Amino acid sequence: MGKQLHENICEERIFSSIFNKHSKNLHNFLYYKFGDLLNPKDKVQEAFVKLWQNCAKISPDKAKSFLFTTANNLMLNEVAHQKVVLKHQQTKPKMHTNESPEFLMQESEYHDKLQKALANLTEAQRVAFMMNRIEGKRFKEIAEILDISTKAVEKRIYGALEKLRKDIKEL
């Protein structure tokens, strides 16, 4: 640890090491929190650009926190921008399909119930649940990524499962 005090993120090997260590987890975090529509890959790259621009000010042990905070803020700014864009759009896309109206209605209702059930989860529960169930990460891996204990991860996922069972029981 004493060596880290003299290390500088501006050194290419250290920056490269930080990128290799955190880029995938940062992308997955953004993807599960915000979805794919807001280009989480772009936000990961932007966060690393900002880290490089501020490399002299940030110590290597603070890099992960800086990256996750910066990327999260970039995504929140993009969400706000998309709300403005949607508000000012005048045309709606036309949907053409060969499915029956009944099937489309049932599919829409199912999708709405599922989205509502996921939306009812707390952000912490949703992120932990998606990382575990969709990506297949173990509790210990999730705990390291989110910088919490494994017991906290277990509690979040258990709470998410309980809420989802309650909200989707008729599905």
C-alpha atoms as a PDB file:
ATOM      1  CA  MET A   1       0.000   0.000   0.000  1.00  0.00           C
ATOM      2  CA  GLY A   2       2.896   2.380   0.681  1.00  0.00           C
ATOM      3  CA  LYS A   3       3.909   2.120  -2.964  1.00  0.00           C
ATOM      4  CA  GLN A   4       0.500   3.354  -4.143  1.00  0.00           C
ATOM      5  CA  LEU A   5       1.095   6.778  -2.638  1.00  0.00           C
ATOM      6  CA  HIS A   6       3.812   7.408  -5.226  1.00  0.00           C
ATOM      7  CA  GLU A   7       1.910   5.907  -8.155  1.00  0.00           C
ATOM      8  CA  ASN A   8       0.160   8.197 -10.557  1.00  0.00           C
ATOM      9  CA  ILE A   9      -2.858   7.357 -12.718  1.00  0.00           C
ATOM     10  CA  CYS A  10      -1.248   9.439 -15.481  1.00  0.00           C
ATOM     11  CA  GLU A  11       1.233   6.600 -15.979  1.00  0.00           C
ATOM     12  CA  GLU A  12      -0.018   4.560 -18.908  1.00  0.00           C
ATOM     13  CA  ARG A  13       0.479   1.151 -17.266  1.00  0.00           C
ATOM     14  CA  ILE A  14      -1.493   2.156 -14.169  1.00  0.00           C
ATOM     15  CA  PHE A  15      -4.287   3.732 -16.204  1.00  0.00           C
ATOM     16  CA  SER A  16      -4.411   0.646 -18.426  1.00  0.00           C
ATOM     17  CA  SER A  17      -4.554  -1.573 -15.353  1.00  0.00           C
ATOM     18  CA  ILE A  18      -7.458   0.454 -13.925  1.00  0.00           C
ATOM     19  CA  PHE A  19      -9.269   0.298 -17.273  1.00  0.00           C
ATOM     20  CA  ASN A  20      -8.840  -3.484 -17.534  1.00  0.00           C
ATOM     21  CA  LYS A  21      -9.944  -3.983 -13.941  1.00  0.00           C
ATOM     22  CA  HIS A  22     -13.052  -1.790 -13.908  1.00  0.00           C
ATOM     23  CA  SER A  23     -14.383  -1.208 -17.445  1.00  0.00           C
ATOM     24  CA  LYS A  24     -16.492  -4.371 -17.737  1.00  0.00           C
ATOM     25  CA  ASN A  25     -18.000  -4.048 -14.261  1.00  0.00           C
ATOM     26  CA  LEU A  26     -18.723  -0.372 -14.873  1.00  0.00           C
ATOM     27  CA  HIS A  27     -20.477  -1.194 -18.152  1.00  0.00           C
ATOM     28  CA  ASN A  28     -22.539  -3.934 -16.519  1.00  0.00           C
ATOM     29  CA  PHE A  29     -23.486  -1.638 -13.642  1.00  0.00           C
ATOM     30  CA  LEU A  30     -24.732   1.031 -16.068  1.00  0.00           C
ATOM     31  CA  TYR A  31     -26.471  -1.523 -18.278  1.00  0.00           C
ATOM     32  CA  TYR A  32     -28.446  -3.045 -15.410  1.00  0.00           C
ATOM     33  CA  LYS A  33     -29.282   0.295 -13.889  1.00  0.00           C
ATOM     34  CA  PHE A  34     -30.264   2.188 -17.055  1.00  0.00           C
ATOM     35  CA  GLY A  35     -30.616  -0.341 -19.880  1.00  0.00           C
ATOM     36  CA  ASP A  36     -28.981  -0.416 -23.300  1.00  0.00           C
ATOM     37  CA  LEU A  37     -30.828   2.480 -24.948  1.00  0.00           C
ATOM     38  CA  LEU A  38     -28.633   5.148 -23.373  1.00  0.00           C
ATOM     39  CA  ASN A  39     -25.369   3.633 -24.667  1.00  0.00           C
ATOM     40  CA  PRO A  40     -23.621   2.528 -21.468  1.00  0.00           C
ATOM     41  CA  LYS A  41     -20.475   1.708 -23.503  1.00  0.00           C
ATOM     42  CA  ASP A  42     -20.181   5.378 -24.483  1.00  0.00           C
ATOM     43  CA  LYS A  43     -20.610   6.502 -20.891  1.00  0.00           C
ATOM     44  CA  VAL A  44     -17.916   4.081 -19.724  1.00  0.00           C
ATOM     45  CA  GLN A  45     -15.546   5.586 -22.289  1.00  0.00           C
ATOM     46  CA  GLU A  46     -16.499   9.126 -21.278  1.00  0.00           C
ATOM     47  CA  ALA A  47     -15.883   8.284 -17.609  1.00  0.00           C
ATOM     48  CA  PHE A  48     -12.408   7.000 -18.433  1.00  0.00           C
ATOM     49  CA  VAL A  49     -11.708  10.131 -20.495  1.00  0.00           C
ATOM     50  CA  LYS A  50     -12.656  12.247 -17.486  1.00  0.00           C
ATOM     51  CA  LEU A  51     -10.427  10.077 -15.286  1.00  0.00           C
ATOM     52  CA  TRP A  52      -7.541  10.671 -17.690  1.00  0.00           C
ATOM     53  CA  GLN A  53      -8.227  14.410 -17.743  1.00  0.00           C
ATOM     54  CA  ASN A  54      -8.107  14.460 -13.928  1.00  0.00           C
ATOM     55  CA  CYS A  55      -5.414  11.797 -13.505  1.00  0.00           C
ATOM     56  CA  ALA A  56      -3.078  14.060 -11.514  1.00  0.00           C
ATOM     57  CA  LYS A  57      -5.808  14.860  -8.976  1.00  0.00           C
ATOM     58  CA  ILE A  58      -7.031  11.298  -8.300  1.00  0.00           C
ATOM     59  CA  SER A  59      -5.139   8.589  -6.477  1.00  0.00           C
ATOM     60  CA  PRO A  60      -5.335   5.009  -7.805  1.00  0.00           C
ATOM     61  CA  ASP A  61      -7.300   3.828  -4.773  1.00  0.00           C
ATOM     62  CA  LYS A  62     -10.009   6.455  -5.488  1.00  0.00           C
ATOM     63  CA  ALA A  63     -10.225   5.699  -9.223  1.00  0.00           C
ATOM     64  CA  LYS A  64     -13.025   3.124  -8.965  1.00  0.00           C
ATOM     65  CA  SER A  65     -15.240   5.446  -6.944  1.00  0.00           C
ATOM     66  CA  PHE A  66     -14.528   8.326  -9.338  1.00  0.00           C
ATOM     67  CA  LEU A  67     -15.377   6.176 -12.372  1.00  0.00           C
ATOM     68  CA  PHE A  68     -18.649   4.793 -11.010  1.00  0.00           C
ATOM     69  CA  THR A  69     -19.805   8.215  -9.759  1.00  0.00           C
ATOM     70  CA  THR A  70     -18.868   9.960 -13.004  1.00  0.00           C
ATOM     71  CA  ALA A  71     -20.467   7.320 -15.228  1.00  0.00           C
ATOM     72  CA  ASN A  72     -23.640   7.290 -13.126  1.00  0.00           C
ATOM     73  CA  ASN A  73     -23.884  11.090 -13.400  1.00  0.00           C
ATOM     74  CA  LEU A  74     -23.325  10.931 -17.155  1.00  0.00           C
ATOM     75  CA  MET A  75     -26.190   8.451 -17.469  1.00  0.00           C
ATOM     76  CA  LEU A  76     -28.474  10.573 -15.290  1.00  0.00           C
ATOM     77  CA  ASN A  77     -27.715  13.560 -17.527  1.00  0.00           C
ATOM     78  CA  GLU A  78     -28.546  11.447 -20.578  1.00  0.00           C
ATOM     79  CA  VAL A  79     -31.843  10.357 -18.983  1.00  0.00           C
ATOM     80  CA  ALA A  80     -32.759  14.002 -18.405  1.00  0.00           C
ATOM     81  CA  HIS A  81     -31.834  14.820 -22.006  1.00  0.00           C
ATOM     82  CA  GLN A  82     -33.948  11.943 -23.344  1.00  0.00           C
ATOM     83  CA  LYS A  83     -36.948  13.184 -21.359  1.00  0.00           C
ATOM     84  CA  VAL A  84     -36.636  16.548 -23.080  1.00  0.00           C
ATOM     85  CA  VAL A  85     -36.305  14.872 -26.477  1.00  0.00           C
ATOM     86  CA  LEU A  86     -39.399  12.726 -25.881  1.00  0.00           C
ATOM     87  CA  LYS A  87     -41.380  15.712 -24.693  1.00  0.00           C
ATOM     88  CA  HIS A  88     -40.716  17.553 -27.940  1.00  0.00           C
ATOM     89  CA  GLN A  89     -41.262  14.674 -30.349  1.00  0.00           C
ATOM     90  CA  GLN A  90     -44.434  15.076 -32.353  1.00  0.00           C
ATOM     91  CA  THR A  91     -44.633  11.868 -34.349  1.00  0.00           C
ATOM     92  CA  LYS A  92     -45.264   8.395 -33.066  1.00  0.00           C
ATOM     93  CA  PRO A  93     -43.748   5.374 -34.806  1.00  0.00           C
ATOM     94  CA  LYS A  94     -46.255   3.142 -36.576  1.00  0.00           C
ATOM     95  CA  MET A  95     -46.382  -0.469 -35.522  1.00  0.00           C
ATOM     96  CA  HIS A  96     -47.255  -3.089 -38.110  1.00  0.00           C
ATOM     97  CA  THR A  97     -47.566  -6.745 -37.171  1.00  0.00           C
ATOM     98  CA  ASN A  98     -49.313  -9.924 -38.224  1.00  0.00           C
ATOM     99  CA  GLU A  99     -50.212 -10.882 -34.637  1.00  0.00           C
ATOM    100  CA  SER A 100     -53.820 -10.883 -33.491  1.00  0.00           C
ATOM    101  CA  PRO A 101     -55.036  -7.924 -31.449  1.00  0.00           C
ATOM    102  CA  GLU A 102     -55.743 -10.244 -28.491  1.00  0.00           C
ATOM    103  CA  PHE A 103     -52.186 -11.567 -28.489  1.00  0.00           C
ATOM    104  CA  LEU A 104     -50.772  -8.070 -28.724  1.00  0.00           C
ATOM    105  CA  MET A 105     -52.954  -6.936 -25.830  1.00  0.00           C
ATOM    106  CA  GLN A 106     -51.923  -9.900 -23.645  1.00  0.00           C
ATOM    107  CA  GLU A 107     -48.279  -9.383 -24.512  1.00  0.00           C
ATOM    108  CA  SER A 108     -48.559  -5.702 -23.682  1.00  0.00           C
ATOM    109  CA  GLU A 109     -50.270  -6.435 -20.359  1.00  0.00           C
ATOM    110  CA  TYR A 110     -47.614  -9.003 -19.434  1.00  0.00           C
ATOM    111  CA  HIS A 111     -44.835  -6.584 -20.353  1.00  0.00           C
ATOM    112  CA  ASP A 112     -46.474  -3.824 -18.293  1.00  0.00           C
ATOM    113  CA  LYS A 113     -46.831  -6.097 -15.243  1.00  0.00           C
ATOM    114  CA  LEU A 114     -43.238  -7.204 -15.507  1.00  0.00           C
ATOM    115  CA  GLN A 115     -41.958  -3.640 -15.877  1.00  0.00           C
ATOM    116  CA  LYS A 116     -44.070  -2.472 -12.936  1.00  0.00           C
ATOM    117  CA  ALA A 117     -42.795  -5.338 -10.799  1.00  0.00           C
ATOM    118  CA  LEU A 118     -39.184  -4.490 -11.654  1.00  0.00           C
ATOM    119  CA  ALA A 119     -39.869  -0.780 -11.128  1.00  0.00           C
ATOM    120  CA  ASN A 120     -41.251  -1.531  -7.654  1.00  0.00           C
ATOM    121  CA  LEU A 121     -37.864  -2.887  -6.619  1.00  0.00           C
ATOM    122  CA  THR A 122     -35.503  -0.463  -4.998  1.00  0.00           C
ATOM    123  CA  GLU A 123     -32.561   0.548  -7.160  1.00  0.00           C
ATOM    124  CA  ALA A 124     -30.211  -1.430  -4.923  1.00  0.00           C
ATOM    125  CA  GLN A 125     -32.378  -4.552  -5.181  1.00  0.00           C
ATOM    126  CA  ARG A 126     -32.785  -4.228  -8.953  1.00  0.00           C
ATOM    127  CA  VAL A 127     -29.054  -3.813  -9.608  1.00  0.00           C
ATOM    128  CA  ALA A 128     -28.062  -6.743  -7.350  1.00  0.00           C
ATOM    129  CA  PHE A 129     -30.869  -8.954  -8.713  1.00  0.00           C
ATOM    130  CA  MET A 130     -30.002  -8.277 -12.371  1.00  0.00           C
ATOM    131  CA  MET A 131     -26.290  -8.849 -11.787  1.00  0.00           C
ATOM    132  CA  ASN A 132     -27.042 -12.174 -10.090  1.00  0.00           C
ATOM    133  CA  ARG A 133     -29.883 -13.547 -12.216  1.00  0.00           C
ATOM    134  CA  ILE A 134     -29.082 -12.140 -15.645  1.00  0.00           C
ATOM    135  CA  GLU A 135     -25.294 -12.022 -15.647  1.00  0.00           C
ATOM    136  CA  GLY A 136     -24.826 -14.966 -13.296  1.00  0.00           C
ATOM    137  CA  LYS A 137     -22.457 -13.195 -10.913  1.00  0.00           C
ATOM    138  CA  ARG A 138     -22.000 -14.701  -7.474  1.00  0.00           C
ATOM    139  CA  PHE A 139     -22.820 -12.754  -4.328  1.00  0.00           C
ATOM    140  CA  LYS A 140     -19.144 -12.214  -3.548  1.00  0.00           C
ATOM    141  CA  GLU A 141     -18.480 -10.727  -7.003  1.00  0.00           C
ATOM    142  CA  ILE A 142     -21.483  -8.418  -6.698  1.00  0.00           C
ATOM    143  CA  ALA A 143     -20.333  -7.334  -3.235  1.00  0.00           C
ATOM    144  CA  GLU A 144     -16.920  -6.380  -4.615  1.00  0.00           C
ATOM    145  CA  ILE A 145     -18.396  -4.443  -7.545  1.00  0.00           C
ATOM    146  CA  LEU A 146     -20.902  -2.548  -5.397  1.00  0.00           C
ATOM    147  CA  ASP A 147     -18.438  -2.203  -2.506  1.00  0.00           C
ATOM    148  CA  ILE A 148     -20.813  -3.760   0.064  1.00  0.00           C
ATOM    149  CA  SER A 149     -20.801  -6.927   2.157  1.00  0.00           C
ATOM    150  CA  THR A 150     -21.994 -10.279   0.825  1.00  0.00           C
ATOM    151  CA  LYS A 151     -24.711 -10.281   3.483  1.00  0.00           C
ATOM    152  CA  ALA A 152     -26.013  -6.996   2.067  1.00  0.00           C
ATOM    153  CA  VAL A 153     -26.084  -8.549  -1.409  1.00  0.00           C
ATOM    154  CA  GLU A 154     -27.970 -11.579  -0.082  1.00  0.00           C
ATOM    155  CA  LYS A 155     -30.495  -9.326   1.627  1.00  0.00           C
ATOM    156  CA  ARG A 156     -31.026  -7.235  -1.536  1.00  0.00           C
ATOM    157  CA  ILE A 157     -31.563 -10.257  -3.766  1.00  0.00           C
ATOM    158  CA  TYR A 158     -33.809 -12.007  -1.249  1.00  0.00           C
ATOM    159  CA  GLY A 159     -35.894  -8.828  -0.906  1.00  0.00           C
ATOM    160  CA  ALA A 160     -36.105  -8.499  -4.694  1.00  0.00           C
ATOM    161  CA  LEU A 161     -37.305 -12.092  -5.060  1.00  0.00           C
ATOM    162  CA  GLU A 162     -39.939 -11.616  -2.373  1.00  0.00           C
ATOM    163  CA  LYS A 163     -41.267  -8.452  -4.033  1.00  0.00           C
ATOM    164  CA  LEU A 164     -41.278  -9.999  -7.503  1.00  0.00           C
ATOM    165  CA  ARG A 165     -43.124 -13.115  -6.278  1.00  0.00           C
ATOM    166  CA  LYS A 166     -45.728 -10.906  -4.637  1.00  0.00           C
ATOM    167  CA  ASP A 167     -46.150  -8.567  -7.620  1.00  0.00           C
ATOM    168  CA  ILE A 168     -46.132 -11.204 -10.383  1.00  0.00           C
ATOM    169  CA  LYS A 169     -47.914 -14.094  -8.718  1.00  0.00           C
ATOM    170  CA  GLU A 170     -50.739 -14.068 -11.267  1.00  0.00           C
ATOM    171  CA  LEU A 171     -48.298 -14.339 -14.169  1.00  0.00           C
END
